[in-house]
């Protein structure tokens, strides 16, 4: 089924008017009369519609999905399309917040004046990923923050940081299962840049987050982010049952 992102007011309307991007996407799809289209607002609500004469007519009530478990990905921005891929996959995996971080060794440097424009672009990547993956909730994609500015946000979560330490820390899943009491939400993962954290950054993180390993292999930054999020989501789903 085709899915289109709309404002909540249009979702509730009996004569929904599509925003520019959604209208363009629908035109490209060229749906036939009677073909089903789902509208969703990225805030957990959706509605079934049918195409009729180039317009959409609601065919059912507005439905709601429960709010997902708060899960934050703190990740140092990677080069080129790798970061877009990270945002896309984090959205598919149900991250509720994505915090792009600029650390000392982050290769990508984003001037402060360009950070809001970057955030808007990455939000569009997340919207496309949600539309294609049947996600009902959109993540909050923040504007890039410097490493020091990310630390207060980390303190608000139960955070795990992929760390290359000697001796090696325990695996992520083992660290999650050892939590007592089990966290009810606000889980987070912090993934460093291609060149790893500086010793000072890692020391600051280990004071407020739990160092973990992602296994014997040395993973690329974007791979580590998706691996870690997958483990967090699996743990959250397990804890809900």
C-alpha atoms as a PDB file:
ATOM      1  CA  UNK A   1       0.000   0.000   0.000  1.00  0.00           C
ATOM      2  CA  UNK A   2       1.196   3.509  -0.821  1.00  0.00           C
ATOM      3  CA  UNK A   3       1.801   5.720   2.240  1.00  0.00           C
ATOM      4  CA  UNK A   4       1.920   9.506   2.418  1.00  0.00           C
ATOM      5  CA  UNK A   5       2.992  11.784   5.266  1.00  0.00           C
ATOM      6  CA  UNK A   6       0.536  14.578   6.065  1.00  0.00           C
ATOM      7  CA  UNK A   7      -0.230  17.005   8.881  1.00  0.00           C
ATOM      8  CA  UNK A   8      -2.520  15.731  11.622  1.00  0.00           C
ATOM      9  CA  UNK A   9      -5.259  18.199  10.621  1.00  0.00           C
ATOM     10  CA  UNK A  10      -5.347  16.792   7.083  1.00  0.00           C
ATOM     11  CA  UNK A  11      -5.328  13.249   8.420  1.00  0.00           C
ATOM     12  CA  UNK A  12      -8.507  14.028  10.363  1.00  0.00           C
ATOM     13  CA  UNK A  13     -10.168  15.876   7.478  1.00  0.00           C
ATOM     14  CA  UNK A  14     -12.853  14.230   5.347  1.00  0.00           C
ATOM     15  CA  UNK A  15     -11.311  16.020   2.349  1.00  0.00           C
ATOM     16  CA  UNK A  16      -7.565  15.802   2.961  1.00  0.00           C
ATOM     17  CA  UNK A  17      -5.297  18.190   1.046  1.00  0.00           C
ATOM     18  CA  UNK A  18      -1.833  16.777   0.497  1.00  0.00           C
ATOM     19  CA  UNK A  19       1.286  18.849   1.187  1.00  0.00           C
ATOM     20  CA  UNK A  20       3.510  19.589  -1.787  1.00  0.00           C
ATOM     21  CA  UNK A  21       5.927  16.668  -1.329  1.00  0.00           C
ATOM     22  CA  UNK A  22       3.145  14.119  -0.740  1.00  0.00           C
ATOM     23  CA  UNK A  23       1.142  15.400  -3.726  1.00  0.00           C
ATOM     24  CA  UNK A  24       4.227  15.114  -5.939  1.00  0.00           C
ATOM     25  CA  UNK A  25       4.889  11.594  -4.722  1.00  0.00           C
ATOM     26  CA  UNK A  26       1.288  10.547  -5.358  1.00  0.00           C
ATOM     27  CA  UNK A  27       1.441  11.968  -8.885  1.00  0.00           C
ATOM     28  CA  UNK A  28       4.546   9.901  -9.601  1.00  0.00           C
ATOM     29  CA  UNK A  29       2.815   6.753  -8.304  1.00  0.00           C
ATOM     30  CA  UNK A  30      -0.186   7.257 -10.614  1.00  0.00           C
ATOM     31  CA  UNK A  31      -2.633   5.236  -8.499  1.00  0.00           C
ATOM     32  CA  UNK A  32      -5.833   3.989 -10.121  1.00  0.00           C
ATOM     33  CA  UNK A  33      -9.312   4.832  -8.897  1.00  0.00           C
ATOM     34  CA  UNK A  34     -10.192   2.605  -5.973  1.00  0.00           C
ATOM     35  CA  UNK A  35      -6.546   1.974  -5.078  1.00  0.00           C
ATOM     36  CA  UNK A  36      -5.791   2.151  -1.352  1.00  0.00           C
ATOM     37  CA  UNK A  37      -3.484   4.819   0.105  1.00  0.00           C
ATOM     38  CA  UNK A  38      -2.572   5.253   3.760  1.00  0.00           C
ATOM     39  CA  UNK A  39      -2.051   8.706   5.250  1.00  0.00           C
ATOM     40  CA  UNK A  40       0.051   9.008   8.409  1.00  0.00           C
ATOM     41  CA  UNK A  41       1.211  11.959  10.482  1.00  0.00           C
ATOM     42  CA  UNK A  42       4.442  10.575  11.983  1.00  0.00           C
ATOM     43  CA  UNK A  43       2.945  10.945  15.461  1.00  0.00           C
ATOM     44  CA  UNK A  44       1.428   7.514  15.718  1.00  0.00           C
ATOM     45  CA  UNK A  45      -1.793   8.148  13.787  1.00  0.00           C
ATOM     46  CA  UNK A  46      -2.864   6.897  10.366  1.00  0.00           C
ATOM     47  CA  UNK A  47      -5.943   6.538   8.168  1.00  0.00           C
ATOM     48  CA  UNK A  48      -6.903   4.441   5.164  1.00  0.00           C
ATOM     49  CA  UNK A  49      -8.044   6.276   2.023  1.00  0.00           C
ATOM     50  CA  UNK A  50      -8.928   5.401  -1.553  1.00  0.00           C
ATOM     51  CA  UNK A  51      -8.143   7.271  -4.740  1.00  0.00           C
ATOM     52  CA  UNK A  52     -11.103   8.732  -6.581  1.00  0.00           C
ATOM     53  CA  UNK A  53     -10.777  11.048  -9.539  1.00  0.00           C
ATOM     54  CA  UNK A  54      -7.302  12.177  -8.549  1.00  0.00           C
ATOM     55  CA  UNK A  55      -8.352  12.893  -4.962  1.00  0.00           C
ATOM     56  CA  UNK A  56      -8.188  10.916  -1.735  1.00  0.00           C
ATOM     57  CA  UNK A  57     -11.307   9.915   0.152  1.00  0.00           C
ATOM     58  CA  UNK A  58     -11.048   8.480   3.692  1.00  0.00           C
ATOM     59  CA  UNK A  59     -12.316   4.899   3.852  1.00  0.00           C
ATOM     60  CA  UNK A  60     -11.913   4.313   7.580  1.00  0.00           C
ATOM     61  CA  UNK A  61     -11.430   6.001  10.948  1.00  0.00           C
ATOM     62  CA  UNK A  62      -8.203   7.501  12.273  1.00  0.00           C
ATOM     63  CA  UNK A  63      -6.189   4.792  14.065  1.00  0.00           C
ATOM     64  CA  UNK A  64      -3.430   5.206  16.634  1.00  0.00           C
ATOM     65  CA  UNK A  65      -0.277   3.268  17.500  1.00  0.00           C
ATOM     66  CA  UNK A  66       1.251   3.272  20.997  1.00  0.00           C
ATOM     67  CA  UNK A  67       4.226   5.514  21.586  1.00  0.00           C
ATOM     68  CA  UNK A  68       7.446   3.519  21.115  1.00  0.00           C
ATOM     69  CA  UNK A  69      10.006   3.016  23.866  1.00  0.00           C
ATOM     70  CA  UNK A  70      12.285   6.086  23.945  1.00  0.00           C
ATOM     71  CA  UNK A  71      15.551   5.126  22.243  1.00  0.00           C
ATOM     72  CA  UNK A  72      18.249   7.637  21.359  1.00  0.00           C
ATOM     73  CA  UNK A  73      21.128   7.190  18.931  1.00  0.00           C
ATOM     74  CA  UNK A  74      24.083   9.484  19.599  1.00  0.00           C
ATOM     75  CA  UNK A  75      26.405   9.055  16.634  1.00  0.00           C
ATOM     76  CA  UNK A  76      29.317  11.026  15.255  1.00  0.00           C
ATOM     77  CA  UNK A  77      28.526  12.142  11.714  1.00  0.00           C
ATOM     78  CA  UNK A  78      30.103  10.025   9.009  1.00  0.00           C
ATOM     79  CA  UNK A  79      31.068  10.960   5.466  1.00  0.00           C
ATOM     80  CA  UNK A  80      28.722  11.368   2.514  1.00  0.00           C
ATOM     81  CA  UNK A  81      25.882   8.938   2.010  1.00  0.00           C
ATOM     82  CA  UNK A  82      26.937   6.846   5.000  1.00  0.00           C
ATOM     83  CA  UNK A  83      25.241   9.266   7.379  1.00  0.00           C
ATOM     84  CA  UNK A  84      22.034   9.336   5.316  1.00  0.00           C
ATOM     85  CA  UNK A  85      22.087   5.543   5.475  1.00  0.00           C
ATOM     86  CA  UNK A  86      22.484   5.668   9.266  1.00  0.00           C
ATOM     87  CA  UNK A  87      19.483   8.000   9.630  1.00  0.00           C
ATOM     88  CA  UNK A  88      17.429   5.814   7.307  1.00  0.00           C
ATOM     89  CA  UNK A  89      18.185   2.551   9.110  1.00  0.00           C
ATOM     90  CA  UNK A  90      17.842   4.084  12.584  1.00  0.00           C
ATOM     91  CA  UNK A  91      14.350   5.224  11.588  1.00  0.00           C
ATOM     92  CA  UNK A  92      13.453   1.764  10.317  1.00  0.00           C
ATOM     93  CA  UNK A  93      14.668   0.260  13.598  1.00  0.00           C
ATOM     94  CA  UNK A  94      12.464   2.555  15.670  1.00  0.00           C
ATOM     95  CA  UNK A  95      14.894   5.063  17.144  1.00  0.00           C
ATOM     96  CA  UNK A  96      12.862   7.906  18.633  1.00  0.00           C
ATOM     97  CA  UNK A  97      15.694  10.434  18.620  1.00  0.00           C
ATOM     98  CA  UNK A  98      18.840  10.792  16.508  1.00  0.00           C
ATOM     99  CA  UNK A  99      21.571  13.119  17.770  1.00  0.00           C
ATOM    100  CA  UNK A 100      24.337  13.849  15.212  1.00  0.00           C
ATOM    101  CA  UNK A 101      27.578  14.623  17.067  1.00  0.00           C
ATOM    102  CA  UNK A 102      30.708  16.487  15.976  1.00  0.00           C
ATOM    103  CA  UNK A 103      33.618  15.172  18.023  1.00  0.00           C
ATOM    104  CA  UNK A 104      37.314  16.085  17.859  1.00  0.00           C
ATOM    105  CA  UNK A 105      38.069  13.322  15.368  1.00  0.00           C
ATOM    106  CA  UNK A 106      34.883  13.559  13.312  1.00  0.00           C
ATOM    107  CA  UNK A 107      35.988  13.979   9.703  1.00  0.00           C
ATOM    108  CA  UNK A 108      32.835  15.846   8.669  1.00  0.00           C
ATOM    109  CA  UNK A 109      32.924  19.430   9.990  1.00  0.00           C
ATOM    110  CA  UNK A 110      29.622  21.307   9.800  1.00  0.00           C
ATOM    111  CA  UNK A 111      29.653  25.086  10.449  1.00  0.00           C
ATOM    112  CA  UNK A 112      27.099  26.242  13.000  1.00  0.00           C
ATOM    113  CA  UNK A 113      25.322  28.322  10.367  1.00  0.00           C
ATOM    114  CA  UNK A 114      24.646  25.234   8.242  1.00  0.00           C
ATOM    115  CA  UNK A 115      23.502  22.851  10.967  1.00  0.00           C
ATOM    116  CA  UNK A 116      19.787  23.613  10.877  1.00  0.00           C
ATOM    117  CA  UNK A 117      19.721  23.120   7.098  1.00  0.00           C
ATOM    118  CA  UNK A 118      21.432  19.759   7.583  1.00  0.00           C
ATOM    119  CA  UNK A 119      18.852  18.801  10.211  1.00  0.00           C
ATOM    120  CA  UNK A 120      16.003  19.621   7.807  1.00  0.00           C
ATOM    121  CA  UNK A 121      17.595  17.498   5.078  1.00  0.00           C
ATOM    122  CA  UNK A 122      18.118  14.531   7.412  1.00  0.00           C
ATOM    123  CA  UNK A 123      14.542  14.854   8.619  1.00  0.00           C
ATOM    124  CA  UNK A 124      13.413  14.329   5.029  1.00  0.00           C
ATOM    125  CA  UNK A 125      15.558  11.184   4.892  1.00  0.00           C
ATOM    126  CA  UNK A 126      13.816   9.961   8.042  1.00  0.00           C
ATOM    127  CA  UNK A 127      10.391  10.780   6.598  1.00  0.00           C
ATOM    128  CA  UNK A 128      11.106   8.734   3.472  1.00  0.00           C
ATOM    129  CA  UNK A 129      12.361   5.831   5.597  1.00  0.00           C
ATOM    130  CA  UNK A 130       9.236   5.926   7.783  1.00  0.00           C
ATOM    131  CA  UNK A 131       6.968   6.016   4.747  1.00  0.00           C
ATOM    132  CA  UNK A 132       8.638   2.998   3.165  1.00  0.00           C
ATOM    133  CA  UNK A 133       8.969   0.909   6.343  1.00  0.00           C
ATOM    134  CA  UNK A 134       5.406   1.299   7.668  1.00  0.00           C
ATOM    135  CA  UNK A 135       6.682   3.202  10.709  1.00  0.00           C
ATOM    136  CA  UNK A 136       3.928   5.126  12.448  1.00  0.00           C
ATOM    137  CA  UNK A 137       6.225   7.411  14.454  1.00  0.00           C
ATOM    138  CA  UNK A 138       8.951   9.696  13.118  1.00  0.00           C
ATOM    139  CA  UNK A 139      12.138  10.127  15.139  1.00  0.00           C
ATOM    140  CA  UNK A 140      13.269  13.524  16.343  1.00  0.00           C
ATOM    141  CA  UNK A 141      16.356  14.352  14.281  1.00  0.00           C
ATOM    142  CA  UNK A 142      18.354  17.035  16.062  1.00  0.00           C
ATOM    143  CA  UNK A 143      20.691  19.557  14.505  1.00  0.00           C
ATOM    144  CA  UNK A 144      24.337  18.505  14.878  1.00  0.00           C
ATOM    145  CA  UNK A 145      25.830  19.224  18.305  1.00  0.00           C
ATOM    146  CA  UNK A 146      29.437  19.445  19.424  1.00  0.00           C
ATOM    147  CA  UNK A 147      30.639  16.605  21.653  1.00  0.00           C
ATOM    148  CA  UNK A 148      30.575  18.664  24.857  1.00  0.00           C
ATOM    149  CA  UNK A 149      26.974  19.711  24.170  1.00  0.00           C
ATOM    150  CA  UNK A 150      25.914  16.066  23.818  1.00  0.00           C
ATOM    151  CA  UNK A 151      26.954  15.111  27.352  1.00  0.00           C
ATOM    152  CA  UNK A 152      23.976  16.713  29.177  1.00  0.00           C
ATOM    153  CA  UNK A 153      21.678  14.800  26.818  1.00  0.00           C
ATOM    154  CA  UNK A 154      23.526  11.563  27.572  1.00  0.00           C
ATOM    155  CA  UNK A 155      22.989  12.098  31.295  1.00  0.00           C
ATOM    156  CA  UNK A 156      19.218  12.031  30.737  1.00  0.00           C
ATOM    157  CA  UNK A 157      19.388   8.467  29.389  1.00  0.00           C
ATOM    158  CA  UNK A 158      20.621   4.986  30.225  1.00  0.00           C
ATOM    159  CA  UNK A 159      23.415   5.114  27.692  1.00  0.00           C
ATOM    160  CA  UNK A 160      25.893   2.560  26.372  1.00  0.00           C
ATOM    161  CA  UNK A 161      29.008   3.557  24.489  1.00  0.00           C
ATOM    162  CA  UNK A 162      30.985   1.360  22.129  1.00  0.00           C
ATOM    163  CA  UNK A 163      34.493   1.550  23.554  1.00  0.00           C
ATOM    164  CA  UNK A 164      37.830   0.004  22.653  1.00  0.00           C
ATOM    165  CA  UNK A 165      39.258  -0.601  26.121  1.00  0.00           C
ATOM    166  CA  UNK A 166      41.771  -2.949  27.731  1.00  0.00           C
ATOM    167  CA  UNK A 167      40.513  -5.221  29.157  1.00  0.00           C
ATOM    168  CA  UNK A 168      37.531  -5.348  26.837  1.00  0.00           C
ATOM    169  CA  UNK A 169      34.187  -4.393  28.415  1.00  0.00           C
ATOM    170  CA  UNK A 170      31.242  -6.790  28.435  1.00  0.00           C
ATOM    171  CA  UNK A 171      29.075  -7.219  25.315  1.00  0.00           C
ATOM    172  CA  UNK A 172      26.137  -4.832  24.888  1.00  0.00           C
ATOM    173  CA  UNK A 173      23.426  -7.459  25.418  1.00  0.00           C
ATOM    174  CA  UNK A 174      25.131  -8.780  28.547  1.00  0.00           C
ATOM    175  CA  UNK A 175      25.339  -5.244  29.942  1.00  0.00           C
ATOM    176  CA  UNK A 176      21.646  -4.688  29.231  1.00  0.00           C
ATOM    177  CA  UNK A 177      20.597  -7.926  30.897  1.00  0.00           C
ATOM    178  CA  UNK A 178      22.689  -7.044  33.964  1.00  0.00           C
ATOM    179  CA  UNK A 179      20.734  -3.834  34.603  1.00  0.00           C
ATOM    180  CA  UNK A 180      18.842  -3.928  37.886  1.00  0.00           C
ATOM    181  CA  UNK A 181      16.196  -2.734  37.905  1.00  0.00           C
ATOM    182  CA  UNK A 182      15.515  -3.092  34.201  1.00  0.00           C
ATOM    183  CA  UNK A 183      15.108   0.352  32.568  1.00  0.00           C
ATOM    184  CA  UNK A 184      11.603   1.278  31.476  1.00  0.00           C
ATOM    185  CA  UNK A 185      12.802   3.533  28.671  1.00  0.00           C
ATOM    186  CA  UNK A 186      15.245   6.249  27.640  1.00  0.00           C
ATOM    187  CA  UNK A 187      17.824   3.755  26.426  1.00  0.00           C
ATOM    188  CA  UNK A 188      20.631   5.228  24.349  1.00  0.00           C
ATOM    189  CA  UNK A 189      23.642   4.253  22.310  1.00  0.00           C
ATOM    190  CA  UNK A 190      26.713   6.408  21.615  1.00  0.00           C
ATOM    191  CA  UNK A 191      28.868   5.557  18.600  1.00  0.00           C
ATOM    192  CA  UNK A 192      32.127   7.330  17.912  1.00  0.00           C
ATOM    193  CA  UNK A 193      33.729   8.589  14.682  1.00  0.00           C
ATOM    194  CA  UNK A 194      35.835   6.679  12.180  1.00  0.00           C
ATOM    195  CA  UNK A 195      38.976   7.685  14.085  1.00  0.00           C
ATOM    196  CA  UNK A 196      37.487   6.740  17.475  1.00  0.00           C
ATOM    197  CA  UNK A 197      37.061   9.033  20.471  1.00  0.00           C
ATOM    198  CA  UNK A 198      39.970  10.956  21.937  1.00  0.00           C
ATOM    199  CA  UNK A 199      41.079   9.638  25.355  1.00  0.00           C
ATOM    200  CA  UNK A 200      39.510  12.723  26.968  1.00  0.00           C
ATOM    201  CA  UNK A 201      36.169  12.172  25.232  1.00  0.00           C
ATOM    202  CA  UNK A 202      36.074   8.496  26.133  1.00  0.00           C
ATOM    203  CA  UNK A 203      36.906   9.284  29.748  1.00  0.00           C
ATOM    204  CA  UNK A 204      34.079  11.839  29.923  1.00  0.00           C
ATOM    205  CA  UNK A 205      31.627   9.361  28.387  1.00  0.00           C
ATOM    206  CA  UNK A 206      32.592   6.484  30.650  1.00  0.00           C
ATOM    207  CA  UNK A 207      31.713   8.630  33.676  1.00  0.00           C
ATOM    208  CA  UNK A 208      28.064   8.874  32.565  1.00  0.00           C
ATOM    209  CA  UNK A 209      27.592   5.903  30.200  1.00  0.00           C
ATOM    210  CA  UNK A 210      28.380   2.193  30.301  1.00  0.00           C
ATOM    211  CA  UNK A 211      31.244   1.055  28.041  1.00  0.00           C
ATOM    212  CA  UNK A 212      30.436  -2.054  25.982  1.00  0.00           C
ATOM    213  CA  UNK A 213      31.836  -4.071  23.119  1.00  0.00           C
ATOM    214  CA  UNK A 214      30.094  -4.952  19.874  1.00  0.00           C
ATOM    215  CA  UNK A 215      32.074  -8.161  19.365  1.00  0.00           C
ATOM    216  CA  UNK A 216      35.454  -9.284  18.131  1.00  0.00           C
ATOM    217  CA  UNK A 217      35.261  -7.527  14.753  1.00  0.00           C
ATOM    218  CA  UNK A 218      36.113  -3.852  14.346  1.00  0.00           C
ATOM    219  CA  UNK A 219      32.919  -2.396  12.890  1.00  0.00           C
ATOM    220  CA  UNK A 220      32.561   0.683  10.736  1.00  0.00           C
ATOM    221  CA  UNK A 221      30.855   3.526  12.573  1.00  0.00           C
ATOM    222  CA  UNK A 222      27.585   3.151  10.677  1.00  0.00           C
ATOM    223  CA  UNK A 223      27.581  -0.620  11.147  1.00  0.00           C
ATOM    224  CA  UNK A 224      28.156  -0.234  14.887  1.00  0.00           C
ATOM    225  CA  UNK A 225      25.226   2.178  15.127  1.00  0.00           C
ATOM    226  CA  UNK A 226      22.788  -0.210  13.461  1.00  0.00           C
ATOM    227  CA  UNK A 227      24.108  -3.263  15.297  1.00  0.00           C
ATOM    228  CA  UNK A 228      23.747  -1.496  18.640  1.00  0.00           C
ATOM    229  CA  UNK A 229      20.262  -0.171  17.880  1.00  0.00           C
ATOM    230  CA  UNK A 230      19.145  -3.655  16.868  1.00  0.00           C
ATOM    231  CA  UNK A 231      20.275  -5.037  20.224  1.00  0.00           C
ATOM    232  CA  UNK A 232      18.573  -2.201  22.135  1.00  0.00           C
ATOM    233  CA  UNK A 233      15.301  -2.720  20.297  1.00  0.00           C
ATOM    234  CA  UNK A 234      15.427  -6.490  20.786  1.00  0.00           C
ATOM    235  CA  UNK A 235      15.997  -5.952  24.511  1.00  0.00           C
ATOM    236  CA  UNK A 236      13.153  -3.417  24.724  1.00  0.00           C
ATOM    237  CA  UNK A 237      10.714  -5.769  22.991  1.00  0.00           C
ATOM    238  CA  UNK A 238      11.794  -8.609  25.272  1.00  0.00           C
ATOM    239  CA  UNK A 239      11.245  -6.439  28.341  1.00  0.00           C
ATOM    240  CA  UNK A 240       7.717  -5.536  27.209  1.00  0.00           C
ATOM    241  CA  UNK A 241       6.562  -9.168  27.244  1.00  0.00           C
END
